[in-house]
Each structure stands twice: as structure tokens, then as C-alpha cells.
Amino acid sequence: IEVVDPYTNERLVPSTLGPGQFMGELSFLNAGSVTLATR
């Protein structure tokens, strides 16, 4: 899974999430919203 630049639709950072790794950040704890798209 890769993080997507919302303006260029390209990969935002070189690294990706592989097997065993997980999405999300602190907003998950407070039932927030996604601020960086992933695909």
C-alpha cells in the first residue's frame, strides 16, 4: 500500500506498507478522518 499525493496523484513517499504493516495515525483513536489517501 502506498501513500498518494492528493494533488499529483503520484506516490508521496518512497516507502510503502508491506505484509504485517498497518495504515493509520493518531486520528484513528479519536475517530477522525483520512488526511492522506492510500492505494
PDB file of all heavy atoms in Angstrom:
ATOM      1  N   ILE A   1       0.853  -1.186   0.000  1.00  0.00           N
ATOM      2  CA  ILE A   1       0.000   0.000   0.000  1.00  0.00           C
ATOM      3  C   ILE A   1       0.886   1.232   0.000  1.00  0.00           C
ATOM      4  O   ILE A   1       1.872   1.303   0.754  1.00  0.00           O
ATOM      5  CB  ILE A   1      -0.941   0.011   1.217  1.00  0.00           C
ATOM      6  CG1 ILE A   1      -2.019  -1.067   1.065  1.00  0.00           C
ATOM      7  CG2 ILE A   1      -1.599   1.377   1.396  1.00  0.00           C
ATOM      8  CD1 ILE A   1      -2.964  -1.175   2.243  1.00  0.00           C
ATOM      9  N   GLU A   2       0.554   2.210  -0.856  1.00  0.00           N
ATOM     10  CA  GLU A   2       1.346   3.434  -0.954  1.00  0.00           C
ATOM     11  C   GLU A   2       0.507   4.642  -0.556  1.00  0.00           C
ATOM     12  O   GLU A   2      -0.723   4.640  -0.690  1.00  0.00           O
ATOM     13  CB  GLU A   2       1.862   3.622  -2.378  1.00  0.00           C
ATOM     14  CG  GLU A   2       0.771   3.767  -3.422  1.00  0.00           C
ATOM     15  CD  GLU A   2       1.318   3.825  -4.842  1.00  0.00           C
ATOM     16  OE1 GLU A   2       2.550   3.849  -5.014  1.00  0.00           O
ATOM     17  OE2 GLU A   2       0.491   3.853  -5.789  1.00  0.00           O
ATOM     18  N   VAL A   3       1.201   5.691  -0.060  1.00  0.00           N
ATOM     19  CA  VAL A   3       0.560   6.962   0.261  1.00  0.00           C
ATOM     20  C   VAL A   3       0.565   7.815  -1.000  1.00  0.00           C
ATOM     21  O   VAL A   3       1.577   7.899  -1.705  1.00  0.00           O
ATOM     22  CB  VAL A   3       1.296   7.682   1.398  1.00  0.00           C
ATOM     23  CG1 VAL A   3       0.619   9.015   1.714  1.00  0.00           C
ATOM     24  CG2 VAL A   3       1.319   6.809   2.647  1.00  0.00           C
ATOM     25  N   VAL A   4      -0.574   8.464  -1.278  1.00  0.00           N
ATOM     26  CA  VAL A   4      -0.745   9.175  -2.535  1.00  0.00           C
ATOM     27  C   VAL A   4      -0.763  10.687  -2.318  1.00  0.00           C
ATOM     28  O   VAL A   4      -1.429  11.191  -1.405  1.00  0.00           O
ATOM     29  CB  VAL A   4      -2.066   8.743  -3.220  1.00  0.00           C
ATOM     30  CG1 VAL A   4      -2.244   9.456  -4.554  1.00  0.00           C
ATOM     31  CG2 VAL A   4      -2.083   7.234  -3.416  1.00  0.00           C
ATOM     32  N   ASP A   5      -0.023  11.400  -3.164  1.00  0.00           N
ATOM     33  CA  ASP A   5      -0.066  12.855  -3.161  1.00  0.00           C
ATOM     34  C   ASP A   5      -1.422  13.279  -3.729  1.00  0.00           C
ATOM     35  O   ASP A   5      -1.741  12.958  -4.876  1.00  0.00           O
ATOM     36  CB  ASP A   5       1.056  13.417  -4.026  1.00  0.00           C
ATOM     37  CG  ASP A   5       1.166  14.941  -3.931  1.00  0.00           C
ATOM     38  OD1 ASP A   5       0.114  15.614  -3.963  1.00  0.00           O
ATOM     39  OD2 ASP A   5       2.291  15.442  -3.827  1.00  0.00           O
ATOM     40  N   PRO A   6      -2.244  14.000  -2.949  1.00  0.00           N
ATOM     41  CA  PRO A   6      -3.598  14.328  -3.413  1.00  0.00           C
ATOM     42  C   PRO A   6      -3.636  15.299  -4.592  1.00  0.00           C
ATOM     43  O   PRO A   6      -4.657  15.420  -5.258  1.00  0.00           O
ATOM     44  CB  PRO A   6      -4.248  14.941  -2.179  1.00  0.00           C
ATOM     45  CG  PRO A   6      -3.116  15.496  -1.396  1.00  0.00           C
ATOM     46  CD  PRO A   6      -1.971  14.550  -1.613  1.00  0.00           C
ATOM     47  N   TYR A   7      -2.514  15.964  -4.867  1.00  0.00           N
ATOM     48  CA  TYR A   7      -2.504  16.961  -5.937  1.00  0.00           C
ATOM     49  C   TYR A   7      -1.916  16.428  -7.244  1.00  0.00           C
ATOM     50  O   TYR A   7      -2.335  16.838  -8.319  1.00  0.00           O
ATOM     51  CB  TYR A   7      -1.750  18.212  -5.468  1.00  0.00           C
ATOM     52  CG  TYR A   7      -2.450  18.870  -4.308  1.00  0.00           C
ATOM     53  CD1 TYR A   7      -2.145  18.519  -3.002  1.00  0.00           C
ATOM     54  CD2 TYR A   7      -3.457  19.795  -4.518  1.00  0.00           C
ATOM     55  CE1 TYR A   7      -2.820  19.088  -1.928  1.00  0.00           C
ATOM     56  CE2 TYR A   7      -4.135  20.377  -3.454  1.00  0.00           C
ATOM     57  CZ  TYR A   7      -3.815  20.011  -2.161  1.00  0.00           C
ATOM     58  OH  TYR A   7      -4.500  20.574  -1.107  1.00  0.00           O
ATOM     59  N   THR A   8      -0.933  15.517  -7.136  1.00  0.00           N
ATOM     60  CA  THR A   8      -0.332  14.963  -8.349  1.00  0.00           C
ATOM     61  C   THR A   8      -0.811  13.555  -8.648  1.00  0.00           C
ATOM     62  O   THR A   8      -0.611  13.051  -9.743  1.00  0.00           O
ATOM     63  CB  THR A   8       1.201  14.933  -8.210  1.00  0.00           C
ATOM     64  OG1 THR A   8       1.563  14.007  -7.169  1.00  0.00           O
ATOM     65  CG2 THR A   8       1.741  16.322  -7.868  1.00  0.00           C
ATOM     66  N   ASN A   9      -1.423  12.912  -7.640  1.00  0.00           N
ATOM     67  CA  ASN A   9      -1.875  11.523  -7.752  1.00  0.00           C
ATOM     68  C   ASN A   9      -0.717  10.543  -7.874  1.00  0.00           C
ATOM     69  O   ASN A   9      -0.912   9.374  -8.215  1.00  0.00           O
ATOM     70  CB  ASN A   9      -2.836  11.341  -8.934  1.00  0.00           C
ATOM     71  CG  ASN A   9      -3.998  10.427  -8.585  1.00  0.00           C
ATOM     72  OD1 ASN A   9      -4.429  10.389  -7.433  1.00  0.00           O
ATOM     73  ND2 ASN A   9      -4.502   9.700  -9.565  1.00  0.00           N
ATOM     74  N   GLU A  10       0.497  11.018  -7.595  1.00  0.00           N
ATOM     75  CA  GLU A  10       1.670  10.149  -7.618  1.00  0.00           C
ATOM     76  C   GLU A  10       1.966   9.671  -6.201  1.00  0.00           C
ATOM     77  O   GLU A  10       1.407  10.157  -5.232  1.00  0.00           O
ATOM     78  CB  GLU A  10       2.877  10.910  -8.180  1.00  0.00           C
ATOM     79  CG  GLU A  10       2.689  11.447  -9.594  1.00  0.00           C
ATOM     80  CD  GLU A  10       2.521  10.323 -10.608  1.00  0.00           C
ATOM     81  OE1 GLU A  10       3.143   9.265 -10.424  1.00  0.00           O
ATOM     82  OE2 GLU A  10       1.756  10.514 -11.582  1.00  0.00           O
ATOM     83  N   ARG A  11       2.899   8.704  -6.085  1.00  0.00           N
ATOM     84  CA  ARG A  11       3.312   8.227  -4.770  1.00  0.00           C
ATOM     85  C   ARG A  11       3.971   9.379  -4.011  1.00  0.00           C
ATOM     86  O   ARG A  11       4.844  10.065  -4.543  1.00  0.00           O
ATOM     87  CB  ARG A  11       4.274   7.053  -4.911  1.00  0.00           C
ATOM     88  CG  ARG A  11       4.744   6.495  -3.566  1.00  0.00           C
ATOM     89  CD  ARG A  11       5.707   5.327  -3.741  1.00  0.00           C
ATOM     90  NE  ARG A  11       5.037   4.164  -4.311  1.00  0.00           N
ATOM     91  CZ  ARG A  11       5.652   2.987  -4.513  1.00  0.00           C
ATOM     92  NH1 ARG A  11       6.937   2.855  -4.215  1.00  0.00           N
ATOM     93  NH2 ARG A  11       4.987   1.976  -5.032  1.00  0.00           N
ATOM     94  N   LEU A  12       3.544   9.593  -2.763  1.00  0.00           N
ATOM     95  CA  LEU A  12       4.023  10.741  -1.989  1.00  0.00           C
ATOM     96  C   LEU A  12       5.390  10.492  -1.365  1.00  0.00           C
ATOM     97  O   LEU A  12       6.237  11.386  -1.321  1.00  0.00           O
ATOM     98  CB  LEU A  12       3.004  11.093  -0.899  1.00  0.00           C
ATOM     99  CG  LEU A  12       3.323  12.319  -0.038  1.00  0.00           C
ATOM    100  CD1 LEU A  12       3.364  13.580  -0.899  1.00  0.00           C
ATOM    101  CD2 LEU A  12       2.299  12.470   1.078  1.00  0.00           C
ATOM    102  N   VAL A  13       5.620   9.296  -0.850  1.00  0.00           N
ATOM    103  CA  VAL A  13       6.893   8.957  -0.209  1.00  0.00           C
ATOM    104  C   VAL A  13       7.435   7.676  -0.829  1.00  0.00           C
ATOM    105  O   VAL A  13       6.671   6.845  -1.335  1.00  0.00           O
ATOM    106  CB  VAL A  13       6.716   8.767   1.316  1.00  0.00           C
ATOM    107  CG1 VAL A  13       6.368  10.083   1.978  1.00  0.00           C
ATOM    108  CG2 VAL A  13       5.662   7.721   1.630  1.00  0.00           C
ATOM    109  N   PRO A  14       8.747   7.496  -0.824  1.00  0.00           N
ATOM    110  CA  PRO A  14       9.333   6.321  -1.484  1.00  0.00           C
ATOM    111  C   PRO A  14       8.896   4.990  -0.873  1.00  0.00           C
ATOM    112  O   PRO A  14       8.707   4.002  -1.584  1.00  0.00           O
ATOM    113  CB  PRO A  14      10.843   6.532  -1.319  1.00  0.00           C
ATOM    114  CG  PRO A  14      11.011   7.987  -1.011  1.00  0.00           C
ATOM    115  CD  PRO A  14       9.781   8.398  -0.281  1.00  0.00           C
ATOM    116  N   SER A  15       8.748   4.953   0.442  1.00  0.00           N
ATOM    117  CA  SER A  15       8.447   3.687   1.109  1.00  0.00           C
ATOM    118  C   SER A  15       6.979   3.315   0.974  1.00  0.00           C
ATOM    119  O   SER A  15       6.115   4.180   0.751  1.00  0.00           O
ATOM    120  CB  SER A  15       8.816   3.773   2.589  1.00  0.00           C
ATOM    121  OG  SER A  15       8.107   4.818   3.216  1.00  0.00           O
ATOM    122  N   THR A  16       6.690   2.033   1.119  1.00  0.00           N
ATOM    123  CA  THR A  16       5.319   1.533   1.093  1.00  0.00           C
ATOM    124  C   THR A  16       5.087   0.669   2.328  1.00  0.00           C
ATOM    125  O   THR A  16       6.020   0.339   3.060  1.00  0.00           O
ATOM    126  CB  THR A  16       5.068   0.694  -0.167  1.00  0.00           C
ATOM    127  OG1 THR A  16       5.974  -0.436  -0.172  1.00  0.00           O
ATOM    128  CG2 THR A  16       5.260   1.517  -1.431  1.00  0.00           C
ATOM    129  N   LEU A  17       3.828   0.316   2.550  1.00  0.00           N
ATOM    130  CA  LEU A  17       3.483  -0.602   3.644  1.00  0.00           C
ATOM    131  C   LEU A  17       3.408  -2.004   3.073  1.00  0.00           C
ATOM    132  O   LEU A  17       2.672  -2.261   2.114  1.00  0.00           O
ATOM    133  CB  LEU A  17       2.147  -0.212   4.265  1.00  0.00           C
ATOM    134  CG  LEU A  17       2.072   1.169   4.918  1.00  0.00           C
ATOM    135  CD1 LEU A  17       0.655   1.434   5.417  1.00  0.00           C
ATOM    136  CD2 LEU A  17       3.067   1.287   6.063  1.00  0.00           C
ATOM    137  N   GLY A  18       4.178  -2.924   3.677  1.00  0.00           N
ATOM    138  CA  GLY A  18       4.198  -4.299   3.208  1.00  0.00           C
ATOM    139  C   GLY A  18       3.525  -5.236   4.188  1.00  0.00           C
ATOM    140  O   GLY A  18       2.895  -4.796   5.162  1.00  0.00           O
ATOM    141  N   PRO A  19       3.618  -6.545   3.977  1.00  0.00           N
ATOM    142  CA  PRO A  19       2.966  -7.539   4.839  1.00  0.00           C
ATOM    143  C   PRO A  19       3.285  -7.345   6.321  1.00  0.00           C
ATOM    144  O   PRO A  19       4.439  -7.177   6.706  1.00  0.00           O
ATOM    145  CB  PRO A  19       3.520  -8.860   4.312  1.00  0.00           C
ATOM    146  CG  PRO A  19       3.798  -8.583   2.865  1.00  0.00           C
ATOM    147  CD  PRO A  19       4.315  -7.178   2.836  1.00  0.00           C
ATOM    148  N   GLY A  20       2.226  -7.323   7.130  1.00  0.00           N
ATOM    149  CA  GLY A  20       2.367  -7.156   8.567  1.00  0.00           C
ATOM    150  C   GLY A  20       2.339  -5.714   9.027  1.00  0.00           C
ATOM    151  O   GLY A  20       2.180  -5.451  10.223  1.00  0.00           O
ATOM    152  N   GLN A  21       2.475  -4.765   8.093  1.00  0.00           N
ATOM    153  CA  GLN A  21       2.427  -3.349   8.454  1.00  0.00           C
ATOM    154  C   GLN A  21       0.994  -2.820   8.327  1.00  0.00           C
ATOM    155  O   GLN A  21       0.162  -3.422   7.647  1.00  0.00           O
ATOM    156  CB  GLN A  21       3.385  -2.542   7.577  1.00  0.00           C
ATOM    157  CG  GLN A  21       4.851  -2.899   7.831  1.00  0.00           C
ATOM    158  CD  GLN A  21       5.797  -2.086   6.969  1.00  0.00           C
ATOM    159  OE1 GLN A  21       5.785  -2.187   5.745  1.00  0.00           O
ATOM    160  NE2 GLN A  21       6.616  -1.270   7.610  1.00  0.00           N
ATOM    161  N   PHE A  22       0.732  -1.686   8.966  1.00  0.00           N
ATOM    162  CA  PHE A  22      -0.647  -1.210   9.054  1.00  0.00           C
ATOM    163  C   PHE A  22      -0.756   0.266   8.699  1.00  0.00           C
ATOM    164  O   PHE A  22       0.204   1.027   8.799  1.00  0.00           O
ATOM    165  CB  PHE A  22      -1.225  -1.456  10.448  1.00  0.00           C
ATOM    166  CG  PHE A  22      -0.383  -0.922  11.573  1.00  0.00           C
ATOM    167  CD1 PHE A  22      -0.573   0.364  12.069  1.00  0.00           C
ATOM    168  CD2 PHE A  22       0.600  -1.719  12.160  1.00  0.00           C
ATOM    169  CE1 PHE A  22       0.201   0.851  13.103  1.00  0.00           C
ATOM    170  CE2 PHE A  22       1.380  -1.231  13.200  1.00  0.00           C
ATOM    171  CZ  PHE A  22       1.187   0.055  13.676  1.00  0.00           C
ATOM    172  N   MET A  23      -1.957   0.656   8.288  1.00  0.00           N
ATOM    173  CA  MET A  23      -2.258   2.041   7.947  1.00  0.00           C
ATOM    174  C   MET A  23      -2.662   2.823   9.199  1.00  0.00           C
ATOM    175  O   MET A  23      -2.934   2.241  10.235  1.00  0.00           O
ATOM    176  CB  MET A  23      -3.413   2.106   6.934  1.00  0.00           C
ATOM    177  CG  MET A  23      -3.054   1.622   5.551  1.00  0.00           C
ATOM    178  SD  MET A  23      -4.514   1.420   4.478  1.00  0.00           S
ATOM    179  CE  MET A  23      -5.549   2.815   4.935  1.00  0.00           C
ATOM    180  N   GLY A  24      -2.748   4.151   9.030  1.00  0.00           N
ATOM    181  CA  GLY A  24      -3.343   4.975  10.071  1.00  0.00           C
ATOM    182  C   GLY A  24      -2.357   5.787  10.881  1.00  0.00           C
ATOM    183  O   GLY A  24      -1.143   5.593  10.826  1.00  0.00           O
ATOM    184  N   GLU A  25      -2.911   6.734  11.626  1.00  0.00           N
ATOM    185  CA  GLU A  25      -2.148   7.548  12.580  1.00  0.00           C
ATOM    186  C   GLU A  25      -3.079   7.939  13.715  1.00  0.00           C
ATOM    187  O   GLU A  25      -4.159   7.360  13.853  1.00  0.00           O
ATOM    188  CB  GLU A  25      -1.481   8.739  11.891  1.00  0.00           C
ATOM    189  CG  GLU A  25      -2.399   9.618  11.078  1.00  0.00           C
ATOM    190  CD  GLU A  25      -2.937  10.797  11.867  1.00  0.00           C
ATOM    191  OE1 GLU A  25      -2.200  11.435  12.630  1.00  0.00           O
ATOM    192  OE2 GLU A  25      -4.125  11.085  11.720  1.00  0.00           O
ATOM    193  N   LEU A  26      -2.674   8.890  14.553  1.00  0.00           N
ATOM    194  CA  LEU A  26      -3.379   9.151  15.798  1.00  0.00           C
ATOM    195  C   LEU A  26      -4.851   9.497  15.642  1.00  0.00           C
ATOM    196  O   LEU A  26      -5.634   9.274  16.567  1.00  0.00           O
ATOM    197  CB  LEU A  26      -2.675  10.271  16.568  1.00  0.00           C
ATOM    198  CG  LEU A  26      -1.335   9.888  17.204  1.00  0.00           C
ATOM    199  CD1 LEU A  26      -0.678  11.125  17.809  1.00  0.00           C
ATOM    200  CD2 LEU A  26      -1.520   8.812  18.266  1.00  0.00           C
ATOM    201  N   SER A  27      -5.247  10.038  14.497  1.00  0.00           N
ATOM    202  CA  SER A  27      -6.659  10.384  14.304  1.00  0.00           C
ATOM    203  C   SER A  27      -7.561   9.166  14.419  1.00  0.00           C
ATOM    204  O   SER A  27      -8.757   9.304  14.708  1.00  0.00           O
ATOM    205  CB  SER A  27      -6.856  11.042  12.928  1.00  0.00           C
ATOM    206  OG  SER A  27      -6.191  12.282  12.875  1.00  0.00           O
ATOM    207  N   PHE A  28      -7.010   7.991  14.212  1.00  0.00           N
ATOM    208  CA  PHE A  28      -7.790   6.757  14.350  1.00  0.00           C
ATOM    209  C   PHE A  28      -8.360   6.636  15.757  1.00  0.00           C
ATOM    210  O   PHE A  28      -9.495   6.186  15.950  1.00  0.00           O
ATOM    211  CB  PHE A  28      -6.897   5.553  14.037  1.00  0.00           C
ATOM    212  CG  PHE A  28      -7.548   4.215  14.272  1.00  0.00           C
ATOM    213  CD1 PHE A  28      -8.395   3.663  13.322  1.00  0.00           C
ATOM    214  CD2 PHE A  28      -7.317   3.503  15.445  1.00  0.00           C
ATOM    215  CE1 PHE A  28      -8.996   2.428  13.544  1.00  0.00           C
ATOM    216  CE2 PHE A  28      -7.912   2.279  15.675  1.00  0.00           C
ATOM    217  CZ  PHE A  28      -8.758   1.738  14.714  1.00  0.00           C
ATOM    218  N   LEU A  29      -7.581   7.039  16.765  1.00  0.00           N
ATOM    219  CA  LEU A  29      -8.014   6.899  18.153  1.00  0.00           C
ATOM    220  C   LEU A  29      -9.225   7.765  18.457  1.00  0.00           C
ATOM    221  O   LEU A  29     -10.048   7.423  19.297  1.00  0.00           O
ATOM    222  CB  LEU A  29      -6.870   7.263  19.101  1.00  0.00           C
ATOM    223  CG  LEU A  29      -5.574   6.462  18.969  1.00  0.00           C
ATOM    224  CD1 LEU A  29      -4.543   6.978  19.954  1.00  0.00           C
ATOM    225  CD2 LEU A  29      -5.828   4.969  19.186  1.00  0.00           C
ATOM    226  N   ASN A  30      -9.327   8.911  17.778  1.00  0.00           N
ATOM    227  CA  ASN A  30     -10.413   9.852  18.045  1.00  0.00           C
ATOM    228  C   ASN A  30     -11.501   9.805  16.975  1.00  0.00           C
ATOM    229  O   ASN A  30     -12.313  10.719  16.870  1.00  0.00           O
ATOM    230  CB  ASN A  30      -9.851  11.283  18.135  1.00  0.00           C
ATOM    231  CG  ASN A  30     -10.767  12.222  18.900  1.00  0.00           C
ATOM    232  OD1 ASN A  30     -11.322  11.860  19.935  1.00  0.00           O
ATOM    233  ND2 ASN A  30     -10.929  13.436  18.390  1.00  0.00           N
ATOM    234  N   ALA A  31     -11.500   8.716  16.182  1.00  0.00           N
ATOM    235  CA  ALA A  31     -12.498   8.550  15.119  1.00  0.00           C
ATOM    236  C   ALA A  31     -12.489   9.734  14.154  1.00  0.00           C
ATOM    237  O   ALA A  31     -13.530  10.252  13.774  1.00  0.00           O
ATOM    238  CB  ALA A  31     -13.896   8.354  15.710  1.00  0.00           C
ATOM    239  N   GLY A  32     -11.281  10.150  13.762  1.00  0.00           N
ATOM    240  CA  GLY A  32     -11.134  11.259  12.832  1.00  0.00           C
ATOM    241  C   GLY A  32     -11.309  10.829  11.392  1.00  0.00           C
ATOM    242  O   GLY A  32     -11.906   9.784  11.092  1.00  0.00           O
ATOM    243  N   SER A  33     -10.767  11.646  10.478  1.00  0.00           N
ATOM    244  CA  SER A  33     -10.891  11.389   9.052  1.00  0.00           C
ATOM    245  C   SER A  33      -9.518  11.245   8.410  1.00  0.00           C
ATOM    246  O   SER A  33      -8.515  11.716   8.946  1.00  0.00           O
ATOM    247  CB  SER A  33     -11.654  12.532   8.366  1.00  0.00           C
ATOM    248  OG  SER A  33     -12.943  12.682   8.922  1.00  0.00           O
ATOM    249  N   VAL A  34      -9.496  10.628   7.254  1.00  0.00           N
ATOM    250  CA  VAL A  34      -8.258  10.420   6.498  1.00  0.00           C
ATOM    251  C   VAL A  34      -7.777  11.750   5.926  1.00  0.00           C
ATOM    252  O   VAL A  34      -8.554  12.501   5.329  1.00  0.00           O
ATOM    253  CB  VAL A  34      -8.493   9.407   5.358  1.00  0.00           C
ATOM    254  CG1 VAL A  34      -7.249   9.297   4.467  1.00  0.00           C
ATOM    255  CG2 VAL A  34      -8.876   8.047   5.925  1.00  0.00           C
ATOM    256  N   THR A  35      -6.489  12.067   6.114  1.00  0.00           N
ATOM    257  CA  THR A  35      -5.925  13.290   5.531  1.00  0.00           C
ATOM    258  C   THR A  35      -4.880  12.983   4.471  1.00  0.00           C
ATOM    259  O   THR A  35      -4.407  13.899   3.795  1.00  0.00           O
ATOM    260  CB  THR A  35      -5.289  14.173   6.608  1.00  0.00           C
ATOM    261  OG1 THR A  35      -4.285  13.436   7.311  1.00  0.00           O
ATOM    262  CG2 THR A  35      -6.342  14.664   7.594  1.00  0.00           C
ATOM    263  N   LEU A  36      -4.494  11.721   4.317  1.00  0.00           N
ATOM    264  CA  LEU A  36      -3.597  11.309   3.248  1.00  0.00           C
ATOM    265  C   LEU A  36      -4.165  10.040   2.614  1.00  0.00           C
ATOM    266  O   LEU A  36      -4.349   9.030   3.305  1.00  0.00           O
ATOM    267  CB  LEU A  36      -2.183  11.041   3.775  1.00  0.00           C
ATOM    268  CG  LEU A  36      -1.337  12.276   4.108  1.00  0.00           C
ATOM    269  CD1 LEU A  36      -0.014  11.861   4.746  1.00  0.00           C
ATOM    270  CD2 LEU A  36      -1.071  13.114   2.870  1.00  0.00           C
ATOM    271  N   ALA A  37      -4.441  10.102   1.335  1.00  0.00           N
ATOM    272  CA  ALA A  37      -5.039   8.955   0.640  1.00  0.00           C
ATOM    273  C   ALA A  37      -4.029   7.833   0.487  1.00  0.00           C
ATOM    274  O   ALA A  37      -2.816   8.055   0.416  1.00  0.00           O
ATOM    275  CB  ALA A  37      -5.550   9.397  -0.722  1.00  0.00           C
ATOM    276  N   THR A  38      -4.533   6.600   0.422  1.00  0.00           N
ATOM    277  CA  THR A  38      -3.689   5.420   0.208  1.00  0.00           C
ATOM    278  C   THR A  38      -4.318   4.531  -0.859  1.00  0.00           C
ATOM    279  O   THR A  38      -5.546   4.504  -1.026  1.00  0.00           O
ATOM    280  CB  THR A  38      -3.538   4.607   1.512  1.00  0.00           C
ATOM    281  OG1 THR A  38      -4.844   4.321   2.042  1.00  0.00           O
ATOM    282  CG2 THR A  38      -2.731   5.355   2.547  1.00  0.00           C
ATOM    283  N   ARG A  39      -3.473   3.797  -1.566  1.00  0.00           N
ATOM    284  CA  ARG A  39      -3.976   2.876  -2.585  1.00  0.00           C
ATOM    285  C   ARG A  39      -3.058   1.677  -2.692  1.00  0.00           C
ATOM    286  O   ARG A  39      -1.902   1.700  -2.218  1.00  0.00           O
ATOM    287  CB  ARG A  39      -4.089   3.574  -3.943  1.00  0.00           C
ATOM    288  CG  ARG A  39      -2.770   3.915  -4.585  1.00  0.00           C
ATOM    289  CD  ARG A  39      -2.957   4.689  -5.873  1.00  0.00           C
ATOM    290  NE  ARG A  39      -1.660   5.190  -6.350  1.00  0.00           N
ATOM    291  CZ  ARG A  39      -1.522   6.241  -7.135  1.00  0.00           C
ATOM    292  NH1 ARG A  39      -2.590   6.924  -7.547  1.00  0.00           N
ATOM    293  NH2 ARG A  39      -0.322   6.622  -7.522  1.00  0.00           N
TER     294      ARG A  39
END
